[in-house]
Amino acid sequence: MTRNIDEIVARFAAPPVTEVSEGARELIHEITAGSPGPTPARRRRRLSPRLAIPAGGLLTAAVVALTWLQPDTSASALNIRQEGGYYVIEIKDLYANPKLYEEQLRHYGLDVSLKVRPATAAFEREVFPTAPDMSVVSEIQGINPPGPCDMVGDACAIGLKIPVGFKGTALVTVSRKARPGEKYYVTTTWDTKGEPMHCVPFANKTVAEVRAMLTERGVRISGFLVPDLTAEKAGGGSEQASVPDTWLVRGGFFTEPGVAVVLAHTTPLSQRVIDARNKAEGCPAS
């Protein structure tokens, strides 16, 4: 049975899912249609605002980074302090019950919910604040370390800042590294910058060849997605537990650490599509 690609990809992610990367969606529609479409930067959604830290804040940034990246066993899930007209928030416990975050934020009069979600490598440390209507809340900002951030979605944040006196309602989703066996809440295509297959020339290689590439990177294949290439059904596909090793690989995505779903078919991708993808990802021609 042919099913919508978005539904299939979402099924592999963590409940109550969730968010399929825009890049993943674009790629799958490209490969099912058989021709390249527009090639915007691969991101799962609109970027949250980036806040650079001035040179004088380097020590503070280092402290925030340590707190953000390492779980804490103390009673408070968050460390909140007032600085420069903002509440500067450091996440001390990345695995706390979201209600604990909410209780602390409510104490400061903030109608803000905070959820920390497991994400694929390209989106770890992304801060994404949204209003109830799903619009981006620009007043809430991620705190980035000094220097440029070249990750997809500007995913380099080491904390976040909320203006003192913020009266809106917001949900802030922060992406973190997934634990072994934990399903990704946010995923994207496996050749996005930051992912293990970025700039790896896998397109149109056989399933056997790509399986070997993945094995070298500590990844196993959990299943296959076979796109429907008929014009009237472009964007559809079916799940299969296995396909012949001689089939050709068109792409893939990760569902949890070390586990991938492979997009494969008997028909090769056009070189035009491959070239467009390489260009979009900043990879050499293959």
C-alpha atoms as a PDB file:
ATOM      1  CA  MET A   1       0.000   0.000   0.000  1.00  0.00           C
ATOM      2  CA  THR A   2       1.313   3.409  -0.948  1.00  0.00           C
ATOM      3  CA  ARG A   3       1.314   5.939   1.875  1.00  0.00           C
ATOM      4  CA  ASN A   4       2.172   9.606   2.213  1.00  0.00           C
ATOM      5  CA  ILE A   5       5.906  10.052   2.831  1.00  0.00           C
ATOM      6  CA  ASP A   6       5.424  12.550   5.679  1.00  0.00           C
ATOM      7  CA  GLU A   7       3.246  10.059   7.572  1.00  0.00           C
ATOM      8  CA  ILE A   8       5.814   7.302   7.092  1.00  0.00           C
ATOM      9  CA  VAL A   9       8.750   9.410   8.270  1.00  0.00           C
ATOM     10  CA  ALA A  10       6.786  10.685  11.271  1.00  0.00           C
ATOM     11  CA  ARG A  11       5.910   7.114  12.267  1.00  0.00           C
ATOM     12  CA  PHE A  12       9.584   6.349  12.847  1.00  0.00           C
ATOM     13  CA  ALA A  13      10.090   9.271  15.230  1.00  0.00           C
ATOM     14  CA  ALA A  14       9.238   9.607  18.902  1.00  0.00           C
ATOM     15  CA  PRO A  15       5.592   9.932  19.937  1.00  0.00           C
ATOM     16  CA  PRO A  16       3.572  12.075  19.843  1.00  0.00           C
ATOM     17  CA  VAL A  17       5.489  13.223  16.820  1.00  0.00           C
ATOM     18  CA  THR A  18       6.273  15.331  15.641  1.00  0.00           C
ATOM     19  CA  GLU A  19       8.480  17.217  13.426  1.00  0.00           C
ATOM     20  CA  VAL A  20       9.797  16.011  10.124  1.00  0.00           C
ATOM     21  CA  SER A  21      12.565  18.241   8.879  1.00  0.00           C
ATOM     22  CA  GLU A  22      11.675  20.481   5.957  1.00  0.00           C
ATOM     23  CA  GLY A  23      14.909  19.292   4.383  1.00  0.00           C
ATOM     24  CA  ALA A  24      13.819  15.678   4.730  1.00  0.00           C
ATOM     25  CA  ARG A  25      10.486  16.493   3.162  1.00  0.00           C
ATOM     26  CA  GLU A  26      12.114  18.392   0.285  1.00  0.00           C
ATOM     27  CA  LEU A  27      14.585  15.601  -0.379  1.00  0.00           C
ATOM     28  CA  ILE A  28      11.956  12.871  -0.389  1.00  0.00           C
ATOM     29  CA  HIS A  29       9.723  14.808  -2.741  1.00  0.00           C
ATOM     30  CA  GLU A  30      12.690  15.435  -5.007  1.00  0.00           C
ATOM     31  CA  ILE A  31      13.638  11.796  -5.212  1.00  0.00           C
ATOM     32  CA  THR A  32      10.077  10.596  -5.660  1.00  0.00           C
ATOM     33  CA  ALA A  33       9.390  13.126  -8.381  1.00  0.00           C
ATOM     34  CA  GLY A  34      12.710  12.349 -10.030  1.00  0.00           C
ATOM     35  CA  SER A  35      13.663  15.954 -10.659  1.00  0.00           C
ATOM     36  CA  PRO A  36      15.264  18.620  -8.487  1.00  0.00           C
ATOM     37  CA  GLY A  37      13.058  21.220  -6.917  1.00  0.00           C
ATOM     38  CA  PRO A  38      14.081  24.389  -5.114  1.00  0.00           C
ATOM     39  CA  THR A  39      17.066  23.933  -2.848  1.00  0.00           C
ATOM     40  CA  PRO A  40      16.614  26.110   0.222  1.00  0.00           C
ATOM     41  CA  ALA A  41      18.888  25.474   3.184  1.00  0.00           C
ATOM     42  CA  ARG A  42      17.842  22.295   4.945  1.00  0.00           C
ATOM     43  CA  ARG A  43      16.157  23.147   8.181  1.00  0.00           C
ATOM     44  CA  ARG A  44      13.202  21.714   9.984  1.00  0.00           C
ATOM     45  CA  ARG A  45      11.597  25.047  10.564  1.00  0.00           C
ATOM     46  CA  ARG A  46      12.152  28.788  10.776  1.00  0.00           C
ATOM     47  CA  LEU A  47      15.227  29.792  12.709  1.00  0.00           C
ATOM     48  CA  SER A  48      14.999  31.039  16.240  1.00  0.00           C
ATOM     49  CA  PRO A  49      16.805  34.354  16.797  1.00  0.00           C
ATOM     50  CA  ARG A  50      20.483  34.073  17.550  1.00  0.00           C
ATOM     51  CA  LEU A  51      22.003  36.172  20.305  1.00  0.00           C
ATOM     52  CA  ALA A  52      25.771  36.580  20.213  1.00  0.00           C
ATOM     53  CA  ILE A  53      27.692  36.927  23.469  1.00  0.00           C
ATOM     54  CA  PRO A  54      30.055  39.927  23.693  1.00  0.00           C
ATOM     55  CA  ALA A  55      33.704  39.303  24.408  1.00  0.00           C
ATOM     56  CA  GLY A  56      33.252  40.370  28.031  1.00  0.00           C
ATOM     57  CA  GLY A  57      30.829  37.501  28.527  1.00  0.00           C
ATOM     58  CA  LEU A  58      33.229  34.707  27.593  1.00  0.00           C
ATOM     59  CA  LEU A  59      33.539  33.416  31.139  1.00  0.00           C
ATOM     60  CA  THR A  60      29.772  33.470  31.594  1.00  0.00           C
ATOM     61  CA  ALA A  61      29.390  31.641  28.288  1.00  0.00           C
ATOM     62  CA  ALA A  62      31.790  28.945  29.418  1.00  0.00           C
ATOM     63  CA  VAL A  63      29.868  28.441  32.660  1.00  0.00           C
ATOM     64  CA  VAL A  64      26.564  28.290  30.800  1.00  0.00           C
ATOM     65  CA  ALA A  65      28.005  25.789  28.339  1.00  0.00           C
ATOM     66  CA  LEU A  66      29.109  23.439  31.100  1.00  0.00           C
ATOM     67  CA  THR A  67      25.729  23.633  32.801  1.00  0.00           C
ATOM     68  CA  TRP A  68      23.779  23.218  29.573  1.00  0.00           C
ATOM     69  CA  LEU A  69      25.635  20.172  28.354  1.00  0.00           C
ATOM     70  CA  GLN A  70      25.887  18.190  31.579  1.00  0.00           C
ATOM     71  CA  PRO A  71      22.935  16.817  33.585  1.00  0.00           C
ATOM     72  CA  ASP A  72      22.758  18.004  37.197  1.00  0.00           C
ATOM     73  CA  THR A  73      21.566  16.215  40.304  1.00  0.00           C
ATOM     74  CA  SER A  74      20.586  19.265  42.357  1.00  0.00           C
ATOM     75  CA  ALA A  75      16.951  20.046  43.174  1.00  0.00           C
ATOM     76  CA  SER A  76      16.483  22.849  40.613  1.00  0.00           C
ATOM     77  CA  ALA A  77      16.090  21.794  36.995  1.00  0.00           C
ATOM     78  CA  LEU A  78      16.900  25.334  35.805  1.00  0.00           C
ATOM     79  CA  ASN A  79      19.328  28.023  36.876  1.00  0.00           C
ATOM     80  CA  ILE A  80      17.643  31.386  36.319  1.00  0.00           C
ATOM     81  CA  ARG A  81      19.265  34.737  36.977  1.00  0.00           C
ATOM     82  CA  GLN A  82      18.420  38.307  35.989  1.00  0.00           C
ATOM     83  CA  GLU A  83      20.967  40.105  33.848  1.00  0.00           C
ATOM     84  CA  GLY A  84      20.751  43.063  31.463  1.00  0.00           C
ATOM     85  CA  GLY A  85      16.960  43.149  31.371  1.00  0.00           C
ATOM     86  CA  TYR A  86      16.665  39.413  30.703  1.00  0.00           C
ATOM     87  CA  TYR A  87      16.164  36.224  32.612  1.00  0.00           C
ATOM     88  CA  VAL A  88      19.188  34.160  31.649  1.00  0.00           C
ATOM     89  CA  ILE A  89      18.234  30.489  31.800  1.00  0.00           C
ATOM     90  CA  GLU A  90      20.576  27.540  32.032  1.00  0.00           C
ATOM     91  CA  ILE A  91      19.205  24.009  31.874  1.00  0.00           C
ATOM     92  CA  LYS A  92      20.800  22.040  34.705  1.00  0.00           C
ATOM     93  CA  ASP A  93      18.847  18.816  34.203  1.00  0.00           C
ATOM     94  CA  LEU A  94      18.224  17.935  30.563  1.00  0.00           C
ATOM     95  CA  TYR A  95      16.004  15.004  31.527  1.00  0.00           C
ATOM     96  CA  ALA A  96      13.755  16.622  34.130  1.00  0.00           C
ATOM     97  CA  ASN A  97       9.972  16.454  34.055  1.00  0.00           C
ATOM     98  CA  PRO A  98       8.786  19.490  32.028  1.00  0.00           C
ATOM     99  CA  LYS A  99       6.521  20.393  34.949  1.00  0.00           C
ATOM    100  CA  LEU A 100       9.612  21.190  36.999  1.00  0.00           C
ATOM    101  CA  TYR A 101      10.771  23.654  34.350  1.00  0.00           C
ATOM    102  CA  GLU A 102       7.313  25.198  34.234  1.00  0.00           C
ATOM    103  CA  GLU A 103       7.098  25.608  38.019  1.00  0.00           C
ATOM    104  CA  GLN A 104      10.377  27.509  38.097  1.00  0.00           C
ATOM    105  CA  LEU A 105       9.417  29.735  35.168  1.00  0.00           C
ATOM    106  CA  ARG A 106       6.011  30.476  36.730  1.00  0.00           C
ATOM    107  CA  HIS A 107       7.811  31.611  39.887  1.00  0.00           C
ATOM    108  CA  TYR A 108       9.253  34.444  37.781  1.00  0.00           C
ATOM    109  CA  GLY A 109       5.830  35.289  36.345  1.00  0.00           C
ATOM    110  CA  LEU A 110       6.566  33.702  32.961  1.00  0.00           C
ATOM    111  CA  ASP A 111       3.821  31.877  31.058  1.00  0.00           C
ATOM    112  CA  VAL A 112       6.458  29.790  29.319  1.00  0.00           C
ATOM    113  CA  SER A 113       6.696  26.026  28.946  1.00  0.00           C
ATOM    114  CA  LEU A 114      10.050  24.409  28.254  1.00  0.00           C
ATOM    115  CA  LYS A 115      10.505  21.022  26.659  1.00  0.00           C
ATOM    116  CA  VAL A 116      13.840  19.365  25.983  1.00  0.00           C
ATOM    117  CA  ARG A 117      13.594  16.922  23.074  1.00  0.00           C
ATOM    118  CA  PRO A 118      16.022  14.357  21.627  1.00  0.00           C
ATOM    119  CA  ALA A 119      17.210  15.401  18.187  1.00  0.00           C
ATOM    120  CA  THR A 120      19.452  14.140  15.440  1.00  0.00           C
ATOM    121  CA  ALA A 121      23.000  15.532  15.433  1.00  0.00           C
ATOM    122  CA  ALA A 122      22.264  18.431  13.043  1.00  0.00           C
ATOM    123  CA  PHE A 123      19.758  19.940  15.482  1.00  0.00           C
ATOM    124  CA  GLU A 124      21.297  19.331  18.903  1.00  0.00           C
ATOM    125  CA  ARG A 125      21.273  22.537  20.991  1.00  0.00           C
ATOM    126  CA  GLU A 126      18.647  24.321  18.907  1.00  0.00           C
ATOM    127  CA  VAL A 127      16.323  26.676  20.773  1.00  0.00           C
ATOM    128  CA  PHE A 128      12.929  27.163  19.158  1.00  0.00           C
ATOM    129  CA  PRO A 129      10.294  29.375  20.887  1.00  0.00           C
ATOM    130  CA  THR A 130       6.733  29.398  19.554  1.00  0.00           C
ATOM    131  CA  ALA A 131       3.435  31.051  20.474  1.00  0.00           C
ATOM    132  CA  PRO A 132       0.152  29.105  20.701  1.00  0.00           C
ATOM    133  CA  ASP A 133      -0.493  29.935  17.022  1.00  0.00           C
ATOM    134  CA  MET A 134       2.909  28.344  16.166  1.00  0.00           C
ATOM    135  CA  SER A 135       4.486  31.666  15.183  1.00  0.00           C
ATOM    136  CA  VAL A 136       8.067  32.267  16.308  1.00  0.00           C
ATOM    137  CA  VAL A 137       8.431  34.288  19.510  1.00  0.00           C
ATOM    138  CA  SER A 138      11.267  36.641  18.628  1.00  0.00           C
ATOM    139  CA  GLU A 139      11.613  38.062  22.157  1.00  0.00           C
ATOM    140  CA  ILE A 140      12.934  34.735  23.452  1.00  0.00           C
ATOM    141  CA  GLN A 141      16.477  34.190  22.255  1.00  0.00           C
ATOM    142  CA  GLY A 142      19.023  31.434  22.286  1.00  0.00           C
ATOM    143  CA  ILE A 143      22.454  32.270  23.687  1.00  0.00           C
ATOM    144  CA  ASN A 144      25.249  31.261  21.358  1.00  0.00           C
ATOM    145  CA  PRO A 145      28.939  31.018  22.236  1.00  0.00           C
ATOM    146  CA  PRO A 146      31.289  33.535  20.597  1.00  0.00           C
ATOM    147  CA  GLY A 147      32.071  32.996  16.932  1.00  0.00           C
ATOM    148  CA  PRO A 148      30.041  31.796  13.966  1.00  0.00           C
ATOM    149  CA  CYS A 149      27.599  28.916  14.145  1.00  0.00           C
ATOM    150  CA  ASP A 150      27.604  26.775  11.018  1.00  0.00           C
ATOM    151  CA  MET A 151      25.063  24.192  12.170  1.00  0.00           C
ATOM    152  CA  VAL A 152      21.708  23.802  10.455  1.00  0.00           C
ATOM    153  CA  GLY A 153      19.061  25.848  12.232  1.00  0.00           C
ATOM    154  CA  ASP A 154      21.753  27.839  14.072  1.00  0.00           C
ATOM    155  CA  ALA A 155      21.811  24.938  16.551  1.00  0.00           C
ATOM    156  CA  CYS A 156      24.695  26.076  18.759  1.00  0.00           C
ATOM    157  CA  ALA A 157      22.825  27.502  21.738  1.00  0.00           C
ATOM    158  CA  ILE A 158      24.200  27.096  25.260  1.00  0.00           C
ATOM    159  CA  GLY A 159      21.269  28.775  27.016  1.00  0.00           C
ATOM    160  CA  LEU A 160      18.316  31.077  26.457  1.00  0.00           C
ATOM    161  CA  LYS A 161      17.148  34.540  27.475  1.00  0.00           C
ATOM    162  CA  ILE A 162      13.632  35.812  28.136  1.00  0.00           C
ATOM    163  CA  PRO A 163      12.948  39.541  28.651  1.00  0.00           C
ATOM    164  CA  VAL A 164      12.040  40.553  32.181  1.00  0.00           C
ATOM    165  CA  GLY A 165       8.365  41.485  32.034  1.00  0.00           C
ATOM    166  CA  PHE A 166       7.584  39.137  29.110  1.00  0.00           C
ATOM    167  CA  LYS A 167       3.778  38.848  29.081  1.00  0.00           C
ATOM    168  CA  GLY A 168       3.225  36.458  26.220  1.00  0.00           C
ATOM    169  CA  THR A 169       2.631  32.720  26.185  1.00  0.00           C
ATOM    170  CA  ALA A 170       5.301  30.512  24.661  1.00  0.00           C
ATOM    171  CA  LEU A 171       6.538  26.981  24.285  1.00  0.00           C
ATOM    172  CA  VAL A 172      10.313  26.742  24.036  1.00  0.00           C
ATOM    173  CA  THR A 173      11.612  23.525  22.524  1.00  0.00           C
ATOM    174  CA  VAL A 174      15.282  22.812  23.127  1.00  0.00           C
ATOM    175  CA  SER A 175      16.942  19.977  21.232  1.00  0.00           C
ATOM    176  CA  ARG A 176      19.465  17.742  22.979  1.00  0.00           C
ATOM    177  CA  LYS A 177      21.563  14.720  22.143  1.00  0.00           C
ATOM    178  CA  ALA A 178      19.534  11.517  22.178  1.00  0.00           C
ATOM    179  CA  ARG A 179      20.437   8.671  24.500  1.00  0.00           C
ATOM    180  CA  PRO A 180      21.039   5.167  23.070  1.00  0.00           C
ATOM    181  CA  GLY A 181      17.737   3.631  21.992  1.00  0.00           C
ATOM    182  CA  GLU A 182      15.864   6.931  22.272  1.00  0.00           C
ATOM    183  CA  LYS A 183      13.778   7.925  19.257  1.00  0.00           C
ATOM    184  CA  TYR A 184      14.453  11.312  17.712  1.00  0.00           C
ATOM    185  CA  TYR A 185      11.761  13.929  18.139  1.00  0.00           C
ATOM    186  CA  VAL A 186      13.385  16.010  15.410  1.00  0.00           C
ATOM    187  CA  THR A 187      15.035  14.364  12.427  1.00  0.00           C
ATOM    188  CA  THR A 188      16.356  15.292   9.009  1.00  0.00           C
ATOM    189  CA  THR A 189      18.061  13.657   6.054  1.00  0.00           C
ATOM    190  CA  TRP A 190      21.255  11.769   6.813  1.00  0.00           C
ATOM    191  CA  ASP A 191      23.423  13.924   4.549  1.00  0.00           C
ATOM    192  CA  THR A 192      22.550  17.236   6.214  1.00  0.00           C
ATOM    193  CA  LYS A 193      25.523  19.085   7.663  1.00  0.00           C
ATOM    194  CA  GLY A 194      26.349  17.599  11.038  1.00  0.00           C
ATOM    195  CA  GLU A 195      25.004  14.162  10.109  1.00  0.00           C
ATOM    196  CA  PRO A 196      27.222  11.071   9.524  1.00  0.00           C
ATOM    197  CA  MET A 197      26.541  10.890   5.776  1.00  0.00           C
ATOM    198  CA  HIS A 198      27.192  14.551   5.005  1.00  0.00           C
ATOM    199  CA  CYS A 199      29.212  14.817   1.766  1.00  0.00           C
ATOM    200  CA  VAL A 200      29.498  11.009   1.536  1.00  0.00           C
ATOM    201  CA  PRO A 201      28.935   9.936  -2.118  1.00  0.00           C
ATOM    202  CA  PHE A 202      26.211   7.350  -1.465  1.00  0.00           C
ATOM    203  CA  ALA A 203      23.689   8.283  -4.162  1.00  0.00           C
ATOM    204  CA  ASN A 204      23.058   5.491  -6.702  1.00  0.00           C
ATOM    205  CA  LYS A 205      25.352   3.073  -4.902  1.00  0.00           C
ATOM    206  CA  THR A 206      23.881  -0.330  -4.152  1.00  0.00           C
ATOM    207  CA  VAL A 207      22.227  -1.181  -0.876  1.00  0.00           C
ATOM    208  CA  ALA A 208      25.132  -3.541  -0.149  1.00  0.00           C
ATOM    209  CA  GLU A 209      27.688  -0.760  -0.694  1.00  0.00           C
ATOM    210  CA  VAL A 210      25.799   1.746   1.457  1.00  0.00           C
ATOM    211  CA  ARG A 211      25.225  -0.808   4.188  1.00  0.00           C
ATOM    212  CA  ALA A 212      29.010  -1.164   4.414  1.00  0.00           C
ATOM    213  CA  MET A 213      29.391   2.650   4.598  1.00  0.00           C
ATOM    214  CA  LEU A 214      26.869   2.815   7.417  1.00  0.00           C
ATOM    215  CA  THR A 215      28.450  -0.085   9.278  1.00  0.00           C
ATOM    216  CA  GLU A 216      31.791   1.764   9.225  1.00  0.00           C
ATOM    217  CA  ARG A 217      29.996   4.637  10.941  1.00  0.00           C
ATOM    218  CA  GLY A 218      28.342   2.439  13.559  1.00  0.00           C
ATOM    219  CA  VAL A 219      24.915   2.555  11.936  1.00  0.00           C
ATOM    220  CA  ARG A 220      22.537  -0.297  11.188  1.00  0.00           C
ATOM    221  CA  ILE A 221      19.573  -0.312   8.798  1.00  0.00           C
ATOM    222  CA  SER A 222      16.170  -0.822  10.427  1.00  0.00           C
ATOM    223  CA  GLY A 223      14.102  -0.728   7.251  1.00  0.00           C
ATOM    224  CA  PHE A 224      13.605   0.688   3.802  1.00  0.00           C
ATOM    225  CA  LEU A 225      11.383   3.290   2.234  1.00  0.00           C
ATOM    226  CA  VAL A 226      10.580   2.642  -1.436  1.00  0.00           C
ATOM    227  CA  PRO A 227       9.322   5.783  -3.197  1.00  0.00           C
ATOM    228  CA  ASP A 228       6.477   5.654  -5.684  1.00  0.00           C
ATOM    229  CA  LEU A 229       7.917   7.258  -8.820  1.00  0.00           C
ATOM    230  CA  THR A 230       4.667   7.519 -10.783  1.00  0.00           C
ATOM    231  CA  ALA A 231       3.895  11.157 -11.535  1.00  0.00           C
ATOM    232  CA  GLU A 232       0.433  11.092  -9.979  1.00  0.00           C
ATOM    233  CA  LYS A 233       1.771   9.649  -6.737  1.00  0.00           C
ATOM    234  CA  ALA A 234       4.993  11.622  -6.332  1.00  0.00           C
ATOM    235  CA  GLY A 235       5.609  12.061  -2.642  1.00  0.00           C
ATOM    236  CA  GLY A 236       4.275   8.642  -1.750  1.00  0.00           C
ATOM    237  CA  GLY A 237       6.020   5.441  -0.886  1.00  0.00           C
ATOM    238  CA  SER A 238       5.877   2.179   0.998  1.00  0.00           C
ATOM    239  CA  GLU A 239       7.803   0.669   3.907  1.00  0.00           C
ATOM    240  CA  GLN A 240       9.664  -2.586   3.447  1.00  0.00           C
ATOM    241  CA  ALA A 241      11.684  -4.629   5.899  1.00  0.00           C
ATOM    242  CA  SER A 242      14.223  -5.513   3.208  1.00  0.00           C
ATOM    243  CA  VAL A 243      15.041  -4.977  -0.452  1.00  0.00           C
ATOM    244  CA  PRO A 244      17.580  -6.698  -2.736  1.00  0.00           C
ATOM    245  CA  ASP A 245      21.197  -5.701  -2.140  1.00  0.00           C
ATOM    246  CA  THR A 246      21.425  -4.660  -5.796  1.00  0.00           C
ATOM    247  CA  TRP A 247      18.846  -1.892  -5.435  1.00  0.00           C
ATOM    248  CA  LEU A 248      20.113   1.695  -5.607  1.00  0.00           C
ATOM    249  CA  VAL A 249      20.154   4.066  -2.660  1.00  0.00           C
ATOM    250  CA  ARG A 250      18.575   7.488  -3.028  1.00  0.00           C
ATOM    251  CA  GLY A 251      18.832   8.799   0.522  1.00  0.00           C
ATOM    252  CA  GLY A 252      17.949   8.083   4.112  1.00  0.00           C
ATOM    253  CA  PHE A 253      17.371   9.423   7.600  1.00  0.00           C
ATOM    254  CA  PHE A 254      18.102   8.439  11.181  1.00  0.00           C
ATOM    255  CA  THR A 255      15.357   7.435  13.591  1.00  0.00           C
ATOM    256  CA  GLU A 256      17.542   7.080  16.700  1.00  0.00           C
ATOM    257  CA  PRO A 257      21.283   6.984  17.395  1.00  0.00           C
ATOM    258  CA  GLY A 258      22.933   4.410  15.152  1.00  0.00           C
ATOM    259  CA  VAL A 259      19.722   3.428  13.329  1.00  0.00           C
ATOM    260  CA  ALA A 260      18.739   4.476   9.794  1.00  0.00           C
ATOM    261  CA  VAL A 261      15.931   4.039   7.310  1.00  0.00           C
ATOM    262  CA  VAL A 262      17.178   3.849   3.710  1.00  0.00           C
ATOM    263  CA  LEU A 263      15.377   5.188   0.650  1.00  0.00           C
ATOM    264  CA  ALA A 264      16.013   2.779  -2.212  1.00  0.00           C
ATOM    265  CA  HIS A 265      14.677   1.909  -5.667  1.00  0.00           C
ATOM    266  CA  THR A 266      15.630   0.074  -8.830  1.00  0.00           C
ATOM    267  CA  THR A 267      15.691   3.374 -10.734  1.00  0.00           C
ATOM    268  CA  PRO A 268      18.741   5.611 -10.225  1.00  0.00           C
ATOM    269  CA  LEU A 269      18.556   9.243  -9.221  1.00  0.00           C
ATOM    270  CA  SER A 270      19.252  11.669 -12.031  1.00  0.00           C
ATOM    271  CA  GLN A 271      22.647  13.357 -11.912  1.00  0.00           C
ATOM    272  CA  ARG A 272      20.791  16.665 -11.911  1.00  0.00           C
ATOM    273  CA  VAL A 273      19.180  15.833  -8.573  1.00  0.00           C
ATOM    274  CA  ILE A 274      22.494  14.633  -7.119  1.00  0.00           C
ATOM    275  CA  ASP A 275      24.290  17.796  -8.259  1.00  0.00           C
ATOM    276  CA  ALA A 276      21.554  20.009  -6.795  1.00  0.00           C
ATOM    277  CA  ARG A 277      21.771  18.254  -3.446  1.00  0.00           C
ATOM    278  CA  ASN A 278      25.560  18.459  -3.326  1.00  0.00           C
ATOM    279  CA  LYS A 279      25.434  22.161  -4.108  1.00  0.00           C
ATOM    280  CA  ALA A 280      22.821  22.816  -1.431  1.00  0.00           C
ATOM    281  CA  GLU A 281      24.931  20.994   1.169  1.00  0.00           C
ATOM    282  CA  GLY A 282      28.230  22.566   0.124  1.00  0.00           C
ATOM    283  CA  CYS A 283      29.649  19.201  -0.984  1.00  0.00           C
ATOM    284  CA  PRO A 284      31.919  18.490  -3.959  1.00  0.00           C
ATOM    285  CA  ALA A 285      30.343  17.193  -7.154  1.00  0.00           C
ATOM    286  CA  SER A 286      30.094  13.434  -7.404  1.00  0.00           C
END
